[in-house]
Protein backbone atom coordinates (compact mmCIF):
# COMPACT_ATOMS: atom_id res chain seq x y z
CA MET A 1 -0.10 0.08 0.03
CA SER A 2 1.05 3.54 -0.46
CA PRO A 3 2.34 5.89 2.30
CA LYS A 4 -0.38 7.77 3.93
CA ALA A 5 -0.83 11.30 3.29
CA PHE A 6 -3.76 12.81 5.10
CA LYS A 7 -5.79 15.71 4.12
CA SER A 8 -5.73 18.77 6.40
CA VAL A 9 -7.10 19.29 9.71
CA GLU A 10 -9.88 21.60 8.37
CA ALA A 11 -11.46 18.48 6.18
CA VAL A 12 -12.01 16.78 9.68
CA LYS A 13 -13.58 19.98 11.09
CA SER A 14 -15.71 20.46 8.26
CA LEU A 15 -17.61 17.20 8.99
CA GLU A 16 -21.21 17.53 10.23
CA GLU A 17 -21.87 16.19 13.72
CA GLU A 18 -24.10 13.38 12.46
CA GLU A 19 -21.31 12.37 10.01
CA VAL A 20 -18.85 12.17 12.69
CA GLN A 21 -21.32 9.72 14.89
CA ASN A 22 -21.84 7.59 11.94
CA LEU A 23 -18.32 7.15 11.06
CA THR A 24 -17.51 6.81 14.60
CA ARG A 25 -20.04 4.10 15.16
CA ALA A 26 -18.88 2.20 11.82
CA ILE A 27 -15.30 2.19 13.24
CA GLU A 28 -16.55 0.63 16.55
CA LEU A 29 -18.35 -1.87 14.83
CA VAL A 30 -15.54 -2.98 12.66
CA GLU A 31 -13.22 -2.80 15.52
CA GLU A 32 -15.47 -5.16 17.61
CA LYS A 33 -14.57 -7.81 15.54
CA LYS A 34 -10.87 -7.08 15.15
CA GLY A 35 -10.85 -5.16 11.95
CA TYR A 36 -7.47 -3.78 11.47
CA ASN A 37 -5.53 -1.28 9.20
CA LEU A 38 -8.53 1.15 9.07
CA ALA A 39 -8.31 3.89 6.68
CA LEU A 40 -11.08 6.56 6.33
CA LEU A 41 -11.40 8.37 2.72
CA ASP A 42 -13.28 11.61 2.26
CA MET A 43 -14.92 11.22 -1.10
CA ARG A 44 -17.22 14.45 -0.90
CA GLU A 45 -15.01 16.13 -3.43
CA THR A 46 -14.88 13.39 -6.02
CA SER A 47 -17.51 12.49 -8.63
CA LEU A 48 -18.36 9.36 -6.74
CA PRO A 49 -22.04 9.23 -5.49
CA THR A 50 -20.89 8.49 -1.93
CA SER A 51 -19.24 10.74 1.07
CA PHE A 52 -16.84 8.28 2.55
CA PHE A 53 -15.09 5.04 2.40
CA LEU A 54 -13.96 3.20 5.34
CA LEU A 55 -11.43 0.35 4.53
CA VAL A 56 -10.84 -2.28 6.93
CA ASP A 57 -8.59 -5.33 6.94
CA GLY A 58 -9.37 -8.95 8.30
CA ASP A 59 -6.92 -12.07 8.53
CA ASN A 60 -9.21 -14.42 6.64
CA PRO A 61 -12.46 -14.98 4.95
CA LYS A 62 -14.14 -15.84 8.27
CA GLN A 63 -13.01 -12.79 9.91
CA VAL A 64 -14.02 -10.44 6.74
CA LYS A 65 -17.44 -12.22 7.15
CA ALA A 66 -17.92 -11.67 11.02
CA ILE A 67 -16.93 -8.07 10.48
CA ALA A 68 -19.11 -7.23 7.95
CA GLU A 69 -21.95 -9.34 9.63
CA ASN A 70 -21.57 -7.56 12.71
CA VAL A 71 -21.87 -4.09 11.08
CA ILE A 72 -24.89 -5.32 9.32
CA GLY A 73 -26.50 -6.87 12.39
CA GLU A 74 -25.58 -4.25 14.74
CA TRP A 75 -26.01 -0.97 12.96
CA ASP A 76 -29.70 0.54 12.96
CA ARG A 77 -28.98 2.53 9.50
CA GLU A 78 -30.50 1.27 6.44
CA LEU A 79 -28.36 -0.93 4.32
CA TYR A 80 -28.67 -0.13 0.71
CA GLY A 81 -26.56 -2.86 -0.96
CA LYS A 82 -24.02 -5.37 0.08
CA GLU A 83 -21.55 -7.32 -2.26
CA GLY A 84 -19.14 -10.01 -1.56
CA LEU A 85 -20.43 -12.14 1.21
CA GLY A 86 -20.26 -15.18 -0.75
CA ASN A 87 -16.44 -15.36 -1.21
CA ASN A 88 -15.41 -13.17 1.77
CA SER A 89 -12.22 -11.69 0.44
CA TRP A 90 -13.64 -8.40 -0.51
CA VAL A 91 -17.09 -7.41 1.01
CA VAL A 92 -18.66 -3.82 0.31
CA LEU A 93 -21.57 -2.64 2.54
CA ASP A 94 -23.50 0.36 1.02
CA TYR A 95 -24.86 2.67 3.43
CA GLY A 96 -25.49 5.53 0.79
CA ASP A 97 -23.04 8.24 2.29
CA LEU A 98 -20.57 5.52 3.41
CA LEU A 99 -19.06 2.62 1.87
CA ILE A 100 -17.46 0.17 4.03
CA HIS A 101 -15.05 -2.07 2.39
CA VAL A 102 -13.82 -5.13 4.34
CA PHE A 103 -10.67 -6.71 2.68
CA GLN A 104 -8.44 -9.77 3.15
CA GLU A 105 -4.96 -7.85 3.44
CA ASP A 106 -3.65 -9.47 -0.05
CA VAL A 107 -6.89 -8.24 -2.04
CA ARG A 108 -6.85 -4.76 -0.29
CA THR A 109 -3.06 -4.69 -1.66
CA PHE A 110 -3.85 -5.64 -5.01
CA TYR A 111 -6.57 -2.96 -5.51
CA ASP A 112 -4.82 -0.54 -3.68
CA LEU A 113 -7.78 1.93 -3.07
CA ASP A 114 -5.62 3.51 -0.47
CA GLY A 115 -3.01 4.62 -3.38
CA LEU A 116 -5.78 5.39 -5.69
CA TRP A 117 -7.20 7.50 -3.47
CA SER A 118 -4.28 8.67 -1.30
CA ASP A 119 -5.41 12.30 -1.56
CA CYS A 120 -8.61 11.66 0.20
CA LEU A 121 -7.32 10.11 3.64
CA LEU A 122 -8.52 11.55 6.95
CA PRO A 123 -7.05 10.91 9.88
CA ILE A 124 -9.46 8.59 12.12
CA GLU A 125 -7.70 9.69 15.51
CA ASP A 126 -8.94 13.33 14.66
CA LEU A 127 -12.57 12.43 14.47
CA SER A 128 -13.32 12.82 18.10
């Protein structure tokens, strides 16, 4: 994966309270199942029809599935779509303004969304 270069602090400060709450909740849910290597991408200034990507790794297909199912089962937000639960190497959960990508590490490395959108990285630790 590419080295991380974060957006400015102003980008984090520009988030609305509801966005911060939703992003924080999503992060909590993936971490409950030991998701790791989290990256938050601010897609608001791109042409994509979503505001944020949350990227997270799982060690194996069972963990990828467990992370995705925990988010689906524990979050009371409307889920618009889900892809990849059959093979569990890359699962995408579509919450409209937020797409959660749960990867096996080698799949994430191969597709390198972190590198493709490196100018969109937000520092997760600055959300609170």
